[in-house]
Amino acid sequence: MMEFDKLSKEEKLKYFKEIEFDIHCCLSLSGDCVPEDVANNIQEYLSHNELGIALEVLSDLAIKYNWKIGDEAKKRILNTFKKMDYHISDRDQYESYEKLLNKF
């Protein structure tokens, strides 16, 4: 696990840029499954550095509407959650993203 507080300002910026890039890749890999308005909302979150919200929106809607986003996109989404040290398995009253994304 990365000790984020110990990173320099430059390292933190690099980390955020990598996460942002990963989310753009997740969105791109999801292809035509993602409606344009949803893609625009995700882009808006990214423009305001709301990386977690952007990834959650993509994942939540993919699960809710059973989008066929493909294995590569699913893997990238889960890896991005892990990279963010996002606890993908202990969301209150929800199944884990990992379990949900692997259902379809």
C-alpha atoms as a PDB file:
ATOM      1  CA  MET A   1       0.000   0.000   0.000  1.00  0.00           C
ATOM      2  CA  MET A   2       1.325   3.406  -0.942  1.00  0.00           C
ATOM      3  CA  GLU A   3       1.864   5.957   1.821  1.00  0.00           C
ATOM      4  CA  PHE A   4       0.300   8.873   0.011  1.00  0.00           C
ATOM      5  CA  ASP A   5       1.096  11.416   2.726  1.00  0.00           C
ATOM      6  CA  LYS A   6       4.803  10.766   2.313  1.00  0.00           C
ATOM      7  CA  LEU A   7       4.822  11.548  -1.405  1.00  0.00           C
ATOM      8  CA  SER A   8       6.228  14.831  -2.633  1.00  0.00           C
ATOM      9  CA  LYS A   9       3.927  17.325  -4.348  1.00  0.00           C
ATOM     10  CA  GLU A  10       5.304  16.260  -7.738  1.00  0.00           C
ATOM     11  CA  GLU A  11       4.760  12.573  -6.944  1.00  0.00           C
ATOM     12  CA  LYS A  12       1.168  13.275  -5.859  1.00  0.00           C
ATOM     13  CA  LEU A  13       0.474  15.176  -9.083  1.00  0.00           C
ATOM     14  CA  LYS A  14       1.952  12.334 -11.117  1.00  0.00           C
ATOM     15  CA  TYR A  15      -0.191   9.837  -9.213  1.00  0.00           C
ATOM     16  CA  PHE A  16      -3.368  11.854  -9.878  1.00  0.00           C
ATOM     17  CA  LYS A  17      -2.496  12.173 -13.571  1.00  0.00           C
ATOM     18  CA  GLU A  18      -1.966   8.397 -13.786  1.00  0.00           C
ATOM     19  CA  ILE A  19      -5.347   7.742 -12.166  1.00  0.00           C
ATOM     20  CA  GLU A  20      -7.014  10.249 -14.490  1.00  0.00           C
ATOM     21  CA  PHE A  21      -5.368   8.547 -17.481  1.00  0.00           C
ATOM     22  CA  ASP A  22      -6.542   5.148 -16.207  1.00  0.00           C
ATOM     23  CA  ILE A  23     -10.134   6.388 -15.953  1.00  0.00           C
ATOM     24  CA  HIS A  24      -9.961   7.821 -19.472  1.00  0.00           C
ATOM     25  CA  CYS A  25      -8.749   4.395 -20.620  1.00  0.00           C
ATOM     26  CA  CYS A  26     -11.608   2.683 -18.764  1.00  0.00           C
ATOM     27  CA  LEU A  27     -14.062   4.987 -20.491  1.00  0.00           C
ATOM     28  CA  SER A  28     -12.424   4.453 -23.866  1.00  0.00           C
ATOM     29  CA  LEU A  29     -12.307   0.673 -23.442  1.00  0.00           C
ATOM     30  CA  SER A  30     -16.002   0.707 -22.560  1.00  0.00           C
ATOM     31  CA  GLY A  31     -16.624   1.937 -26.083  1.00  0.00           C
ATOM     32  CA  ASP A  32     -20.107   2.501 -27.397  1.00  0.00           C
ATOM     33  CA  CYS A  33     -21.688   0.965 -24.290  1.00  0.00           C
ATOM     34  CA  VAL A  34     -21.445   4.275 -22.473  1.00  0.00           C
ATOM     35  CA  PRO A  35     -24.084   6.795 -23.556  1.00  0.00           C
ATOM     36  CA  GLU A  36     -22.721  10.170 -24.621  1.00  0.00           C
ATOM     37  CA  ASP A  37     -24.365  12.043 -21.731  1.00  0.00           C
ATOM     38  CA  VAL A  38     -22.792   9.662 -19.208  1.00  0.00           C
ATOM     39  CA  ALA A  39     -19.378   9.983 -20.879  1.00  0.00           C
ATOM     40  CA  ASN A  40     -19.753  13.776 -20.723  1.00  0.00           C
ATOM     41  CA  ASN A  41     -20.637  13.606 -17.015  1.00  0.00           C
ATOM     42  CA  ILE A  42     -17.598  11.454 -16.322  1.00  0.00           C
ATOM     43  CA  GLN A  43     -15.400  13.892 -18.273  1.00  0.00           C
ATOM     44  CA  GLU A  44     -16.853  16.728 -16.182  1.00  0.00           C
ATOM     45  CA  TYR A  45     -15.968  14.931 -12.944  1.00  0.00           C
ATOM     46  CA  LEU A  46     -12.457  14.355 -14.248  1.00  0.00           C
ATOM     47  CA  SER A  47     -12.082  18.026 -15.147  1.00  0.00           C
ATOM     48  CA  HIS A  48     -12.805  18.856 -11.489  1.00  0.00           C
ATOM     49  CA  ASN A  49     -10.397  16.198 -10.192  1.00  0.00           C
ATOM     50  CA  GLU A  50     -13.258  14.088  -8.849  1.00  0.00           C
ATOM     51  CA  LEU A  51     -11.516  10.870  -9.834  1.00  0.00           C
ATOM     52  CA  GLY A  52     -13.302   8.565  -7.412  1.00  0.00           C
ATOM     53  CA  ILE A  53     -16.720   9.862  -8.383  1.00  0.00           C
ATOM     54  CA  ALA A  54     -15.915   9.488 -12.086  1.00  0.00           C
ATOM     55  CA  LEU A  55     -14.892   5.870 -11.602  1.00  0.00           C
ATOM     56  CA  GLU A  56     -17.879   5.117  -9.371  1.00  0.00           C
ATOM     57  CA  VAL A  57     -20.323   6.607 -11.889  1.00  0.00           C
ATOM     58  CA  LEU A  58     -18.855   4.529 -14.706  1.00  0.00           C
ATOM     59  CA  SER A  59     -18.921   1.360 -12.597  1.00  0.00           C
ATOM     60  CA  ASP A  60     -22.314   1.916 -11.002  1.00  0.00           C
ATOM     61  CA  LEU A  61     -24.021   2.579 -14.334  1.00  0.00           C
ATOM     62  CA  ALA A  62     -22.223  -0.300 -16.068  1.00  0.00           C
ATOM     63  CA  ILE A  63     -23.530  -2.602 -13.352  1.00  0.00           C
ATOM     64  CA  LYS A  64     -27.021  -1.074 -13.161  1.00  0.00           C
ATOM     65  CA  TYR A  65     -27.610  -1.236 -16.911  1.00  0.00           C
ATOM     66  CA  ASN A  66     -25.581  -4.391 -17.513  1.00  0.00           C
ATOM     67  CA  TRP A  67     -23.372  -2.763 -20.129  1.00  0.00           C
ATOM     68  CA  LYS A  68     -21.255  -5.242 -22.047  1.00  0.00           C
ATOM     69  CA  ILE A  69     -18.015  -3.382 -21.446  1.00  0.00           C
ATOM     70  CA  GLY A  70     -15.695  -6.308 -22.034  1.00  0.00           C
ATOM     71  CA  ASP A  71     -13.126  -8.057 -19.892  1.00  0.00           C
ATOM     72  CA  GLU A  72     -10.292  -5.633 -20.592  1.00  0.00           C
ATOM     73  CA  ALA A  73     -12.402  -2.673 -19.446  1.00  0.00           C
ATOM     74  CA  LYS A  74     -13.576  -4.543 -16.333  1.00  0.00           C
ATOM     75  CA  LYS A  75     -10.015  -5.471 -15.459  1.00  0.00           C
ATOM     76  CA  ARG A  76      -8.850  -1.876 -15.954  1.00  0.00           C
ATOM     77  CA  ILE A  77     -11.695  -0.527 -13.791  1.00  0.00           C
ATOM     78  CA  LEU A  78     -10.896  -2.934 -10.961  1.00  0.00           C
ATOM     79  CA  ASN A  79      -7.174  -2.241 -11.190  1.00  0.00           C
ATOM     80  CA  THR A  80      -7.885   1.489 -11.021  1.00  0.00           C
ATOM     81  CA  PHE A  81      -9.996   1.006  -7.883  1.00  0.00           C
ATOM     82  CA  LYS A  82      -7.127  -0.963  -6.358  1.00  0.00           C
ATOM     83  CA  LYS A  83      -4.556   1.612  -7.446  1.00  0.00           C
ATOM     84  CA  MET A  84      -6.624   4.268  -5.692  1.00  0.00           C
ATOM     85  CA  ASP A  85      -6.685   2.028  -2.602  1.00  0.00           C
ATOM     86  CA  TYR A  86     -10.454   2.145  -2.935  1.00  0.00           C
ATOM     87  CA  HIS A  87     -12.009  -0.526  -0.782  1.00  0.00           C
ATOM     88  CA  ILE A  88     -13.977  -2.269  -3.464  1.00  0.00           C
ATOM     89  CA  SER A  89     -15.247  -5.041  -1.222  1.00  0.00           C
ATOM     90  CA  ASP A  90     -16.664  -3.303   1.851  1.00  0.00           C
ATOM     91  CA  ARG A  91     -19.221  -0.846   0.580  1.00  0.00           C
ATOM     92  CA  ASP A  92     -22.145  -0.610   2.994  1.00  0.00           C
ATOM     93  CA  GLN A  93     -25.149  -2.575   1.773  1.00  0.00           C
ATOM     94  CA  TYR A  94     -23.573  -3.280  -1.604  1.00  0.00           C
ATOM     95  CA  GLU A  95     -21.816  -6.229  -3.110  1.00  0.00           C
ATOM     96  CA  SER A  96     -18.255  -5.586  -4.139  1.00  0.00           C
ATOM     97  CA  TYR A  97     -17.548  -3.976  -7.499  1.00  0.00           C
ATOM     98  CA  GLU A  98     -15.362  -6.951  -8.279  1.00  0.00           C
ATOM     99  CA  LYS A  99     -18.215  -9.418  -7.775  1.00  0.00           C
ATOM    100  CA  LEU A 100     -20.755  -7.239  -9.571  1.00  0.00           C
ATOM    101  CA  LEU A 101     -18.559  -6.479 -12.584  1.00  0.00           C
ATOM    102  CA  ASN A 102     -17.726 -10.143 -12.997  1.00  0.00           C
ATOM    103  CA  LYS A 103     -21.423 -11.112 -13.147  1.00  0.00           C
ATOM    104  CA  PHE A 104     -21.715  -9.894 -16.725  1.00  0.00           C
END
